[in-house]
C-alpha atoms as a PDB file:
ATOM      1  CA  MET A   1      -0.024  -0.058  -0.127  1.00  0.00           C
ATOM      2  CA  LYS A   2       1.460   3.411  -0.822  1.00  0.00           C
ATOM      3  CA  THR A   3       0.523   6.580   1.371  1.00  0.00           C
ATOM      4  CA  ILE A   4       0.466   9.966  -0.168  1.00  0.00           C
ATOM      5  CA  SER A   5      -0.221  13.266   1.653  1.00  0.00           C
ATOM      6  CA  SER A   6       0.104  15.654  -1.411  1.00  0.00           C
ATOM      7  CA  ALA A   7      -2.841  16.227  -3.613  1.00  0.00           C
ATOM      8  CA  LEU A   8      -0.720  16.917  -6.719  1.00  0.00           C
ATOM      9  CA  GLU A   9       1.466  13.830  -6.070  1.00  0.00           C
ATOM     10  CA  LEU A  10      -1.632  11.608  -5.948  1.00  0.00           C
ATOM     11  CA  LYS A  11      -3.077  13.104  -8.914  1.00  0.00           C
ATOM     12  CA  ALA A  12       0.274  12.353 -10.935  1.00  0.00           C
ATOM     13  CA  TYR A  13       0.383   8.979  -9.532  1.00  0.00           C
ATOM     14  CA  LEU A  14      -3.201   7.959 -10.494  1.00  0.00           C
ATOM     15  CA  ARG A  15      -2.813   9.719 -13.822  1.00  0.00           C
ATOM     16  CA  ASN A  16       0.133   7.296 -14.634  1.00  0.00           C
ATOM     17  CA  GLU A  17      -1.736   4.092 -13.561  1.00  0.00           C
ATOM     18  CA  ASN A  18      -4.270   4.331 -16.227  1.00  0.00           C
ATOM     19  CA  LYS A  19      -6.662   1.863 -14.444  1.00  0.00           C
ATOM     20  CA  THR A  20     -10.193   1.921 -13.096  1.00  0.00           C
ATOM     21  CA  ILE A  21     -10.142   3.458  -9.558  1.00  0.00           C
ATOM     22  CA  GLY A  22     -12.559   2.922  -6.788  1.00  0.00           C
ATOM     23  CA  TYR A  23     -12.427   5.674  -4.283  1.00  0.00           C
ATOM     24  CA  VAL A  24     -13.673   5.548  -0.672  1.00  0.00           C
ATOM     25  CA  PRO A  25     -13.549   9.009   1.154  1.00  0.00           C
ATOM     26  CA  THR A  26     -13.393   8.719   5.215  1.00  0.00           C
ATOM     27  CA  MET A  27     -12.766  10.817   8.055  1.00  0.00           C
ATOM     28  CA  GLY A  28     -10.732   7.824   9.647  1.00  0.00           C
ATOM     29  CA  ALA A  29     -11.823   5.912  12.874  1.00  0.00           C
ATOM     30  CA  LEU A  30     -12.433   2.967  10.561  1.00  0.00           C
ATOM     31  CA  HIS A  31     -14.864   0.526  11.384  1.00  0.00           C
ATOM     32  CA  GLU A  32     -16.601  -2.430   9.694  1.00  0.00           C
ATOM     33  CA  GLY A  33     -18.931  -0.059   7.827  1.00  0.00           C
ATOM     34  CA  HIS A  34     -15.642   1.533   5.972  1.00  0.00           C
ATOM     35  CA  ILE A  35     -14.434  -1.767   5.309  1.00  0.00           C
ATOM     36  CA  THR A  36     -17.707  -2.857   3.731  1.00  0.00           C
ATOM     37  CA  LEU A  37     -17.112   0.189   1.381  1.00  0.00           C
ATOM     38  CA  ILE A  38     -13.701  -0.859   0.695  1.00  0.00           C
ATOM     39  CA  LYS A  39     -14.614  -4.427  -0.208  1.00  0.00           C
ATOM     40  CA  GLU A  40     -17.331  -3.169  -2.468  1.00  0.00           C
ATOM     41  CA  ALA A  41     -14.741  -0.817  -4.306  1.00  0.00           C
ATOM     42  CA  LYS A  42     -12.342  -3.868  -4.706  1.00  0.00           C
ATOM     43  CA  LYS A  43     -15.031  -5.890  -6.616  1.00  0.00           C
ATOM     44  CA  ASN A  44     -15.383  -3.624  -9.584  1.00  0.00           C
ATOM     45  CA  ASN A  45     -12.064  -1.612  -9.675  1.00  0.00           C
ATOM     46  CA  GLU A  46      -8.424  -2.310 -10.638  1.00  0.00           C
ATOM     47  CA  VAL A  47      -7.176   0.222  -8.182  1.00  0.00           C
ATOM     48  CA  VAL A  48      -8.637   1.310  -4.660  1.00  0.00           C
ATOM     49  CA  VAL A  49      -7.872   4.690  -3.098  1.00  0.00           C
ATOM     50  CA  VAL A  50      -8.976   5.552   0.330  1.00  0.00           C
ATOM     51  CA  SER A  51      -8.793   9.048   2.016  1.00  0.00           C
ATOM     52  CA  ILE A  52      -8.593   9.921   5.526  1.00  0.00           C
ATOM     53  CA  PHE A  53      -9.188  13.589   6.206  1.00  0.00           C
ATOM     54  CA  VAL A  54     -11.084  15.004   9.082  1.00  0.00           C
ATOM     55  CA  ASN A  55     -12.631  17.807   7.241  1.00  0.00           C
ATOM     56  CA  PRO A  56     -12.838  21.029   9.491  1.00  0.00           C
ATOM     57  CA  THR A  57     -15.279  22.828   7.212  1.00  0.00           C
ATOM     58  CA  GLN A  58     -18.319  20.665   7.770  1.00  0.00           C
ATOM     59  CA  PHE A  59     -17.979  21.339  11.737  1.00  0.00           C
ATOM     60  CA  LEU A  60     -19.782  23.982  13.109  1.00  0.00           C
ATOM     61  CA  ALA A  61     -18.581  26.123  16.032  1.00  0.00           C
ATOM     62  CA  GLY A  62     -18.841  24.137  19.323  1.00  0.00           C
ATOM     63  CA  GLU A  63     -18.840  20.916  17.577  1.00  0.00           C
ATOM     64  CA  ASP A  64     -16.644  17.855  17.948  1.00  0.00           C
ATOM     65  CA  LEU A  65     -13.940  18.724  15.603  1.00  0.00           C
ATOM     66  CA  ASP A  66     -11.209  18.569  18.070  1.00  0.00           C
ATOM     67  CA  LYS A  67     -12.298  15.489  19.928  1.00  0.00           C
ATOM     68  CA  TYR A  68     -13.429  13.661  16.699  1.00  0.00           C
ATOM     69  CA  PRO A  69     -11.540  10.138  16.899  1.00  0.00           C
ATOM     70  CA  ARG A  70      -8.263   9.844  15.333  1.00  0.00           C
ATOM     71  CA  ARG A  71      -6.515   6.741  14.932  1.00  0.00           C
ATOM     72  CA  ASP A  72      -4.099   7.145  12.231  1.00  0.00           C
ATOM     73  CA  GLU A  73      -1.786   4.210  12.796  1.00  0.00           C
ATOM     74  CA  ALA A  74      -4.801   1.848  13.488  1.00  0.00           C
ATOM     75  CA  ASP A  75      -6.487   3.125  10.236  1.00  0.00           C
ATOM     76  CA  LYS A  76      -3.331   2.473   8.149  1.00  0.00           C
ATOM     77  CA  LYS A  77      -3.166  -1.005   9.186  1.00  0.00           C
ATOM     78  CA  ILE A  78      -6.824  -1.598   8.607  1.00  0.00           C
ATOM     79  CA  CYS A  79      -6.572  -0.206   4.974  1.00  0.00           C
ATOM     80  CA  GLU A  80      -3.306  -2.388   4.560  1.00  0.00           C
ATOM     81  CA  LEU A  81      -5.268  -5.599   5.730  1.00  0.00           C
ATOM     82  CA  ALA A  82      -8.152  -4.627   3.437  1.00  0.00           C
ATOM     83  CA  GLY A  83      -5.939  -4.453   0.513  1.00  0.00           C
ATOM     84  CA  VAL A  84      -6.186  -0.877  -0.261  1.00  0.00           C
ATOM     85  CA  ASP A  85      -3.808   0.290  -2.965  1.00  0.00           C
ATOM     86  CA  VAL A  86      -3.240   4.083  -2.319  1.00  0.00           C
ATOM     87  CA  LEU A  87      -3.978   5.781   1.115  1.00  0.00           C
ATOM     88  CA  PHE A  88      -4.458   9.601   0.909  1.00  0.00           C
ATOM     89  CA  MET A  89      -3.835  11.440   4.181  1.00  0.00           C
ATOM     90  CA  PRO A  90      -3.865  15.205   3.454  1.00  0.00           C
ATOM     91  CA  GLN A  91      -3.443  18.115   5.919  1.00  0.00           C
ATOM     92  CA  ALA A  92      -5.952  20.839   5.803  1.00  0.00           C
ATOM     93  CA  ASP A  93      -3.629  23.436   4.375  1.00  0.00           C
ATOM     94  CA  GLU A  94      -3.027  20.822   1.314  1.00  0.00           C
ATOM     95  CA  LEU A  95      -6.754  21.112   0.466  1.00  0.00           C
ATOM     96  CA  TYR A  96      -7.735  24.537   1.249  1.00  0.00           C
ATOM     97  CA  PHE A  97      -6.679  28.226   0.532  1.00  0.00           C
ATOM     98  CA  GLU A  98      -6.927  31.502   2.081  1.00  0.00           C
ATOM     99  CA  ASP A  99      -9.077  32.989  -0.682  1.00  0.00           C
ATOM    100  CA  GLU A 100     -10.722  30.176  -2.656  1.00  0.00           C
ATOM    101  CA  VAL A 101     -13.704  29.500  -4.901  1.00  0.00           C
ATOM    102  CA  LYS A 102     -16.400  27.711  -2.885  1.00  0.00           C
ATOM    103  CA  ILE A 103     -19.230  25.539  -3.546  1.00  0.00           C
ATOM    104  CA  VAL A 104     -22.336  25.791  -1.547  1.00  0.00           C
ATOM    105  CA  ALA A 105     -25.180  23.500  -0.591  1.00  0.00           C
ATOM    106  CA  PRO A 106     -28.605  24.123  -2.293  1.00  0.00           C
ATOM    107  CA  ASN A 107     -30.754  26.758  -0.559  1.00  0.00           C
ATOM    108  CA  VAL A 108     -33.451  24.213   0.262  1.00  0.00           C
ATOM    109  CA  ARG A 109     -32.162  20.749   0.240  1.00  0.00           C
ATOM    110  CA  GLY A 110     -29.115  21.626   2.141  1.00  0.00           C
ATOM    111  CA  TYR A 111     -30.929  23.479   5.071  1.00  0.00           C
ATOM    112  CA  VAL A 112     -33.668  21.067   5.914  1.00  0.00           C
ATOM    113  CA  LEU A 113     -33.310  18.081   8.369  1.00  0.00           C
ATOM    114  CA  GLU A 114     -29.655  17.911   9.599  1.00  0.00           C
ATOM    115  CA  GLY A 115     -28.850  21.090   7.577  1.00  0.00           C
ATOM    116  CA  ALA A 116     -31.724  22.885   9.629  1.00  0.00           C
ATOM    117  CA  THR A 117     -29.755  22.576  12.968  1.00  0.00           C
ATOM    118  CA  ARG A 118     -26.256  22.599  11.460  1.00  0.00           C
ATOM    119  CA  PRO A 119     -26.482  25.678   8.746  1.00  0.00           C
ATOM    120  CA  GLY A 120     -23.358  25.322   6.552  1.00  0.00           C
ATOM    121  CA  HIS A 121     -22.695  21.760   7.315  1.00  0.00           C
ATOM    122  CA  PHE A 122     -23.494  20.553   3.836  1.00  0.00           C
ATOM    123  CA  SER A 123     -21.677  23.373   2.027  1.00  0.00           C
ATOM    124  CA  GLY A 124     -18.578  22.074   3.922  1.00  0.00           C
ATOM    125  CA  VAL A 125     -19.363  18.534   2.935  1.00  0.00           C
ATOM    126  CA  LEU A 126     -19.913  19.502  -0.740  1.00  0.00           C
ATOM    127  CA  ARG A 127     -16.823  21.572  -0.805  1.00  0.00           C
ATOM    128  CA  VAL A 128     -14.312  18.847   0.385  1.00  0.00           C
ATOM    129  CA  VAL A 129     -15.966  16.020  -1.701  1.00  0.00           C
ATOM    130  CA  MET A 130     -15.720  18.177  -4.684  1.00  0.00           C
ATOM    131  CA  LYS A 131     -12.154  18.682  -4.136  1.00  0.00           C
ATOM    132  CA  LEU A 132     -11.331  14.960  -3.298  1.00  0.00           C
ATOM    133  CA  LEU A 133     -13.072  13.751  -6.463  1.00  0.00           C
ATOM    134  CA  ASN A 134     -11.232  16.212  -8.428  1.00  0.00           C
ATOM    135  CA  ILE A 135      -7.819  15.062  -6.867  1.00  0.00           C
ATOM    136  CA  VAL A 136      -8.714  11.154  -7.246  1.00  0.00           C
ATOM    137  CA  ASN A 137     -10.510  11.355 -10.584  1.00  0.00           C
ATOM    138  CA  PRO A 138     -12.335   7.869  -9.452  1.00  0.00           C
ATOM    139  CA  THR A 139     -14.258   5.879 -11.767  1.00  0.00           C
ATOM    140  CA  ASN A 140     -16.457   4.893  -8.857  1.00  0.00           C
ATOM    141  CA  ALA A 141     -16.784   6.482  -5.564  1.00  0.00           C
ATOM    142  CA  TYR A 142     -18.466   4.631  -2.480  1.00  0.00           C
ATOM    143  CA  PHE A 143     -20.689   6.232   0.008  1.00  0.00           C
ATOM    144  CA  GLY A 144     -22.621   4.777   2.857  1.00  0.00           C
ATOM    145  CA  LYS A 145     -26.435   5.002   2.932  1.00  0.00           C
ATOM    146  CA  LYS A 146     -26.392   5.713   6.642  1.00  0.00           C
ATOM    147  CA  ASP A 147     -25.741   9.367   5.632  1.00  0.00           C
ATOM    148  CA  ALA A 148     -28.681   9.516   3.377  1.00  0.00           C
ATOM    149  CA  GLN A 149     -29.040  13.230   3.108  1.00  0.00           C
ATOM    150  CA  GLN A 150     -25.255  13.792   2.561  1.00  0.00           C
ATOM    151  CA  LEU A 151     -25.477  10.871  -0.236  1.00  0.00           C
ATOM    152  CA  ASN A 152     -28.576  12.625  -1.989  1.00  0.00           C
ATOM    153  CA  LEU A 153     -26.705  16.010  -1.921  1.00  0.00           C
ATOM    154  CA  ILE A 154     -23.405  14.629  -3.370  1.00  0.00           C
ATOM    155  CA  GLU A 155     -25.420  12.837  -6.132  1.00  0.00           C
ATOM    156  CA  LEU A 156     -27.279  16.057  -6.741  1.00  0.00           C
ATOM    157  CA  MET A 157     -23.900  17.861  -6.996  1.00  0.00           C
ATOM    158  CA  ILE A 158     -22.521  15.152  -9.495  1.00  0.00           C
ATOM    159  CA  LYS A 159     -25.602  15.474 -11.560  1.00  0.00           C
ATOM    160  CA  GLN A 160     -25.693  19.490 -11.747  1.00  0.00           C
ATOM    161  CA  TYR A 161     -22.019  19.885 -12.196  1.00  0.00           C
ATOM    162  CA  PHE A 162     -21.848  17.303 -14.840  1.00  0.00           C
ATOM    163  CA  MET A 163     -19.018  15.395 -13.111  1.00  0.00           C
ATOM    164  CA  ASP A 164     -17.923  12.196 -14.593  1.00  0.00           C
ATOM    165  CA  VAL A 165     -18.042   9.735 -11.712  1.00  0.00           C
ATOM    166  CA  ASN A 166     -20.327   7.027 -10.783  1.00  0.00           C
ATOM    167  CA  ILE A 167     -21.643   7.186  -7.043  1.00  0.00           C
ATOM    168  CA  VAL A 168     -22.247   3.852  -5.624  1.00  0.00           C
ATOM    169  CA  PRO A 169     -24.563   3.937  -2.261  1.00  0.00           C
ATOM    170  CA  VAL A 170     -23.639   0.880  -0.054  1.00  0.00           C
ATOM    171  CA  ASP A 171     -26.077  -0.407   2.574  1.00  0.00           C
ATOM    172  CA  THR A 172     -25.687   0.502   6.335  1.00  0.00           C
ATOM    173  CA  VAL A 173     -23.755  -1.996   8.360  1.00  0.00           C
ATOM    174  CA  ARG A 174     -25.049  -2.637  11.861  1.00  0.00           C
ATOM    175  CA  ASP A 175     -23.615  -4.056  15.151  1.00  0.00           C
ATOM    176  CA  ALA A 176     -25.132  -7.294  16.380  1.00  0.00           C
ATOM    177  CA  ASP A 177     -27.471  -5.331  18.498  1.00  0.00           C
ATOM    178  CA  GLY A 178     -28.859  -3.277  15.534  1.00  0.00           C
ATOM    179  CA  LEU A 179     -26.873   0.087  16.169  1.00  0.00           C
ATOM    180  CA  ALA A 180     -25.842   1.509  12.941  1.00  0.00           C
ATOM    181  CA  LEU A 181     -22.024   1.520  12.995  1.00  0.00           C
ATOM    182  CA  SER A 182     -20.576   5.181  13.402  1.00  0.00           C
ATOM    183  CA  SER A 183     -17.147   6.561  14.351  1.00  0.00           C
ATOM    184  CA  ARG A 184     -18.940   8.586  17.106  1.00  0.00           C
ATOM    185  CA  ASN A 185     -20.383   5.382  18.755  1.00  0.00           C
ATOM    186  CA  VAL A 186     -17.193   5.415  20.784  1.00  0.00           C
ATOM    187  CA  TYR A 187     -18.504   8.429  22.740  1.00  0.00           C
ATOM    188  CA  LEU A 188     -21.359   6.285  24.259  1.00  0.00           C
ATOM    189  CA  SER A 189     -21.330   4.937  27.558  1.00  0.00           C
ATOM    190  CA  LYS A 190     -22.769   1.356  28.174  1.00  0.00           C
ATOM    191  CA  GLU A 191     -26.106   2.890  29.353  1.00  0.00           C
ATOM    192  CA  GLN A 192     -26.176   5.351  26.564  1.00  0.00           C
ATOM    193  CA  ARG A 193     -25.705   2.627  24.044  1.00  0.00           C
ATOM    194  CA  GLN A 194     -28.798   0.901  25.350  1.00  0.00           C
ATOM    195  CA  GLU A 195     -30.731   4.132  24.819  1.00  0.00           C
ATOM    196  CA  ALA A 196     -29.311   4.483  21.493  1.00  0.00           C
ATOM    197  CA  LEU A 197     -30.835   1.303  20.624  1.00  0.00           C
ATOM    198  CA  LYS A 198     -34.312   3.044  20.349  1.00  0.00           C
ATOM    199  CA  ILE A 199     -33.365   4.435  17.032  1.00  0.00           C
ATOM    200  CA  PRO A 200     -32.979   1.234  14.956  1.00  0.00           C
ATOM    201  CA  LYS A 201     -35.986  -0.187  17.181  1.00  0.00           C
ATOM    202  CA  SER A 202     -38.069   2.827  15.900  1.00  0.00           C
ATOM    203  CA  LEU A 203     -37.015   2.135  12.217  1.00  0.00           C
ATOM    204  CA  TYR A 204     -37.731  -1.480  12.600  1.00  0.00           C
ATOM    205  CA  GLU A 205     -41.159  -1.030  13.832  1.00  0.00           C
ATOM    206  CA  ALA A 206     -41.898   1.428  11.035  1.00  0.00           C
ATOM    207  CA  SER A 207     -40.872  -1.127   8.477  1.00  0.00           C
ATOM    208  CA  LYS A 208     -42.974  -3.644  10.282  1.00  0.00           C
ATOM    209  CA  MET A 209     -46.013  -1.251  10.118  1.00  0.00           C
ATOM    210  CA  VAL A 210     -45.329  -0.706   6.338  1.00  0.00           C
ATOM    211  CA  SER A 211     -45.285  -4.478   5.778  1.00  0.00           C
ATOM    212  CA  ARG A 212     -48.733  -4.733   7.500  1.00  0.00           C
ATOM    213  CA  GLY A 213     -50.191  -2.164   5.036  1.00  0.00           C
ATOM    214  CA  ILE A 214     -49.847   0.783   7.435  1.00  0.00           C
ATOM    215  CA  VAL A 215     -48.473   3.557   5.003  1.00  0.00           C
ATOM    216  CA  ASN A 216     -49.769   6.776   6.424  1.00  0.00           C
ATOM    217  CA  VAL A 217     -46.926   9.007   7.353  1.00  0.00           C
ATOM    218  CA  ALA A 218     -48.398  10.644  10.495  1.00  0.00           C
ATOM    219  CA  GLU A 219     -49.469   7.345  12.037  1.00  0.00           C
ATOM    220  CA  ILE A 220     -46.021   5.849  11.340  1.00  0.00           C
ATOM    221  CA  LYS A 221     -44.213   8.881  12.961  1.00  0.00           C
ATOM    222  CA  GLU A 222     -46.337   8.741  15.939  1.00  0.00           C
ATOM    223  CA  GLN A 223     -45.444   5.212  16.756  1.00  0.00           C
ATOM    224  CA  MET A 224     -41.707   5.993  16.118  1.00  0.00           C
ATOM    225  CA  LEU A 225     -41.746   9.219  18.439  1.00  0.00           C
ATOM    226  CA  LYS A 226     -43.437   6.864  21.200  1.00  0.00           C
ATOM    227  CA  ILE A 227     -40.432   4.314  21.057  1.00  0.00           C
ATOM    228  CA  LEU A 228     -37.743   7.158  20.861  1.00  0.00           C
ATOM    229  CA  GLU A 229     -38.978   8.479  24.065  1.00  0.00           C
ATOM    230  CA  PRO A 230     -37.298  10.169  26.040  1.00  0.00           C
ATOM    231  CA  LEU A 231     -34.419  10.696  23.469  1.00  0.00           C
ATOM    232  CA  GLU A 232     -33.914  14.366  22.280  1.00  0.00           C
ATOM    233  CA  ILE A 233     -35.175  14.143  18.780  1.00  0.00           C
ATOM    234  CA  GLY A 234     -33.470  16.335  16.062  1.00  0.00           C
ATOM    235  CA  TYR A 235     -36.048  15.046  13.466  1.00  0.00           C
ATOM    236  CA  VAL A 236     -38.087  11.908  12.469  1.00  0.00           C
ATOM    237  CA  ALA A 237     -38.796  12.253   8.645  1.00  0.00           C
ATOM    238  CA  ILE A 238     -40.617  10.420   6.186  1.00  0.00           C
ATOM    239  CA  LEU A 239     -39.826  11.450   2.729  1.00  0.00           C
ATOM    240  CA  SER A 240     -39.477  10.274  -1.033  1.00  0.00           C
ATOM    241  CA  ARG A 241     -36.007   9.163  -1.918  1.00  0.00           C
ATOM    242  CA  GLU A 242     -35.603  12.500  -3.600  1.00  0.00           C
ATOM    243  CA  PHE A 243     -36.252  14.206  -0.225  1.00  0.00           C
ATOM    244  CA  GLU A 244     -39.615  15.470  -1.040  1.00  0.00           C
ATOM    245  CA  PRO A 245     -42.553  15.389   1.528  1.00  0.00           C
ATOM    246  CA  ILE A 246     -44.843  12.524   1.186  1.00  0.00           C
ATOM    247  CA  ASP A 247     -48.226  11.563   2.788  1.00  0.00           C
ATOM    248  CA  GLU A 248     -47.895   7.943   2.360  1.00  0.00           C
ATOM    249  CA  VAL A 249     -44.983   5.500   2.075  1.00  0.00           C
ATOM    250  CA  VAL A 250     -44.408   3.820  -1.392  1.00  0.00           C
ATOM    251  CA  ILE A 251     -42.287   0.739  -1.216  1.00  0.00           C
ATOM    252  CA  GLY A 252     -39.137   1.153  -3.492  1.00  0.00           C
ATOM    253  CA  GLU A 253     -39.360   5.097  -3.273  1.00  0.00           C
ATOM    254  CA  SER A 254     -39.335   6.142   0.283  1.00  0.00           C
ATOM    255  CA  ILE A 255     -36.801   6.674   3.102  1.00  0.00           C
ATOM    256  CA  ILE A 256     -37.295   7.097   6.871  1.00  0.00           C
ATOM    257  CA  LEU A 257     -34.680   9.170   8.605  1.00  0.00           C
ATOM    258  CA  VAL A 258     -34.062   9.828  12.381  1.00  0.00           C
ATOM    259  CA  GLU A 259     -31.542  12.122  14.185  1.00  0.00           C
ATOM    260  CA  ALA A 260     -31.346  11.909  17.857  1.00  0.00           C
ATOM    261  CA  LEU A 261     -29.256  13.071  20.565  1.00  0.00           C
ATOM    262  CA  VAL A 262     -27.918  10.404  23.064  1.00  0.00           C
ATOM    263  CA  GLY A 263     -25.925  12.315  25.872  1.00  0.00           C
ATOM    264  CA  ASP A 264     -23.955  14.572  23.863  1.00  0.00           C
ATOM    265  CA  THR A 265     -23.720  12.380  20.824  1.00  0.00           C
ATOM    266  CA  ARG A 266     -25.567  13.002  17.808  1.00  0.00           C
ATOM    267  CA  LEU A 267     -26.613   9.862  15.881  1.00  0.00           C
ATOM    268  CA  LEU A 268     -28.044   9.434  12.451  1.00  0.00           C
ATOM    269  CA  ASP A 269     -29.976   6.366  10.974  1.00  0.00           C
ATOM    270  CA  ASN A 270     -32.335   5.483   8.431  1.00  0.00           C
ATOM    271  CA  ILE A 271     -34.166   2.845   6.376  1.00  0.00           C
ATOM    272  CA  TRP A 272     -34.827   2.566   2.850  1.00  0.00           C
ATOM    273  CA  LEU A 273     -38.294   1.287   1.815  1.00  0.00           C
END
């Protein structure tokens, strides 16, 4: 495995490879969910690139940028064992400039749900993803479905900027107890983790209701909110996969999303129906 920290060096190296490239962007603290993305990339590409970069522009003031888990040496070993060909580990000053052209999130889709309580967050996400995709120039780029709103906005950016990369959504990976894998799960105490399990339980109950023919959005949300008590809820949203409001769930076209605070830890989860 080759490790590179310079954007220009990486561009030159990959240009000379002249092979299909599968790319997995991460913020490190790698877990089984990231390994699943890497495995998917290895299936259909000749070269697999993983980046590890804790992106400062997507954190708002007072958020967990400084304490976000960083395990560089362990992450390097995980990538090596997973068969990654190139690991890109840039510093912030390698990617950002004092006076630079910026991409911003759309005025509506970028400021609802997670964007409503974290204004500017998705502008930071799209800004770094645009840069990373331009550096790596992958054939395919792999993103987890757990961050569904982020995935939707990245796909929108690719479409609207006519970018030549195929975005591959990958199913959420869960622990044995049902909790969606996240680097932030390390923040949870034993008791908080038990409370966090209400999130996947609410989604499971929603899917059971739909399977029984209960498709009314208000009815499903009411039952989910009961299960989630007494967690502090950011949102429970039932939308089309284009993130548009719906009154009834349509199988194959809908998504249910939850954001909740467990202790001081913000957790996201969803189910695609």
